[in-house]
Amino acid sequence: MLQSLGNDLKKILLAGIGAAAVTAEKSQQVVAELVRRGELTVEQGRSINEELQHKAQQRRQEEWLEQVERLSPQQRQALKDKLEELERQESAPDAEKQ
């Protein structure tokens, strides 16, 4: 079950990242074209891109939370255990440096 959960979470995460990347790239292209044609100033283009990135990040977080809410209690516990394991692995090199 843990292996299946890990694969499912990877697929969900990769799908979300892929969709966000395509959307962000396309929106940046549209803004760049508007700047090039003089319909937006460079500063307006930067501002719009920053706002789009912020909104995309918010949406990814909302989608992630929606996916987590759909998990069964067992799947949530497996996810929690995996995140704790990753956190321990991440902090282990820090402890070795001290």
Protein backbone atom coordinates (compact mmCIF):
# COMPACT_ATOMS: atom_id res chain seq x y z
CA MET A 1 0.00 0.00 0.00
CA LEU A 2 2.81 2.43 0.84
CA GLN A 3 4.43 1.86 -2.52
CA SER A 4 1.13 2.46 -4.30
CA LEU A 5 0.50 5.60 -2.25
CA GLY A 6 3.96 6.89 -3.09
CA ASN A 7 3.44 6.32 -6.81
CA ASP A 8 -0.01 7.91 -6.74
CA LEU A 9 1.29 10.98 -4.91
CA LYS A 10 4.16 11.29 -7.36
CA LYS A 11 1.73 11.16 -10.28
CA ILE A 12 -0.53 13.78 -8.70
CA LEU A 13 2.39 16.05 -7.91
CA LEU A 14 3.96 15.69 -11.36
CA ALA A 15 0.64 16.32 -13.09
CA GLY A 16 0.11 19.46 -11.04
CA ILE A 17 3.63 20.71 -11.68
CA GLY A 18 3.33 19.99 -15.39
CA ALA A 19 0.02 21.79 -15.73
CA ALA A 20 1.30 24.75 -13.73
CA ALA A 21 4.50 24.93 -15.77
CA VAL A 22 2.62 24.92 -19.08
CA THR A 23 0.18 27.54 -17.83
CA ALA A 24 2.92 29.75 -16.41
CA GLU A 25 5.04 29.45 -19.56
CA LYS A 26 2.12 30.29 -21.84
CA SER A 27 1.05 33.27 -19.73
CA GLN A 28 4.61 34.59 -19.72
CA GLN A 29 4.72 34.28 -23.50
CA VAL A 30 1.47 36.21 -23.85
CA VAL A 31 2.69 38.97 -21.53
CA ALA A 32 6.05 39.15 -23.34
CA GLU A 33 4.23 39.51 -26.66
CA LEU A 34 2.06 42.32 -25.28
CA VAL A 35 5.19 44.11 -24.02
CA ARG A 36 6.89 43.61 -27.38
CA ARG A 37 3.92 45.12 -29.21
CA GLY A 38 3.87 48.06 -26.81
CA GLU A 39 0.48 47.21 -25.34
CA LEU A 40 2.06 46.82 -21.90
CA THR A 41 5.09 48.45 -20.35
CA VAL A 42 7.93 46.26 -19.13
CA GLU A 43 7.00 47.13 -15.55
CA GLN A 44 3.35 46.19 -16.14
CA GLY A 45 4.51 42.92 -17.68
CA ARG A 46 6.67 42.13 -14.65
CA SER A 47 3.82 42.97 -12.32
CA ILE A 48 1.38 40.76 -14.21
CA ASN A 49 3.87 37.86 -14.31
CA GLU A 50 4.45 38.13 -10.55
CA GLU A 51 0.71 38.16 -9.89
CA LEU A 52 0.17 35.17 -12.18
CA GLN A 53 2.94 33.23 -10.46
CA HIS A 54 1.47 34.02 -7.04
CA LYS A 55 -2.01 32.92 -8.12
CA ALA A 56 -0.63 29.74 -9.70
CA GLN A 57 1.20 28.89 -6.50
CA GLN A 58 -1.96 29.45 -4.46
CA ARG A 59 -3.94 27.23 -6.81
CA ARG A 60 -1.34 24.44 -6.61
CA GLN A 61 -1.55 24.58 -2.82
CA GLU A 62 -5.34 24.43 -2.95
CA GLU A 63 -5.26 21.47 -5.34
CA TRP A 64 -2.73 19.66 -3.14
CA LEU A 65 -4.92 20.18 -0.07
CA GLU A 66 -7.97 18.92 -1.98
CA GLN A 67 -6.06 15.76 -2.92
CA VAL A 68 -4.95 15.21 0.69
CA GLU A 69 -8.52 15.68 1.92
CA ARG A 70 -9.64 12.85 -0.38
CA LEU A 71 -7.17 10.38 1.16
CA SER A 72 -8.40 7.70 3.51
CA PRO A 73 -7.18 7.84 7.12
CA GLN A 74 -4.71 5.05 6.33
CA GLN A 75 -3.39 6.90 3.31
CA ARG A 76 -3.04 10.10 5.34
CA GLN A 77 -1.06 8.25 7.99
CA ALA A 78 1.18 6.73 5.31
CA LEU A 79 1.70 10.20 3.84
CA LYS A 80 2.48 11.63 7.28
CA ASP A 81 4.98 8.83 7.94
CA LYS A 82 6.65 9.40 4.56
CA LEU A 83 6.90 13.17 5.12
CA GLU A 84 8.41 12.60 8.56
CA GLU A 85 10.92 10.18 7.05
CA LEU A 86 11.88 12.73 4.38
CA GLU A 87 12.22 15.42 7.03
CA ARG A 88 14.55 13.19 9.08
CA GLN A 89 16.63 12.45 5.97
CA GLU A 90 16.81 16.13 5.12
CA SER A 91 17.91 17.13 8.61
CA ALA A 92 20.41 14.25 8.96
CA PRO A 93 23.13 15.93 6.83
CA ASP A 94 22.72 19.08 8.95
CA ALA A 95 23.35 17.12 12.12
CA GLU A 96 26.49 15.55 10.63
CA LYS A 97 27.93 19.00 9.80
CA GLN A 98 27.72 20.16 13.43
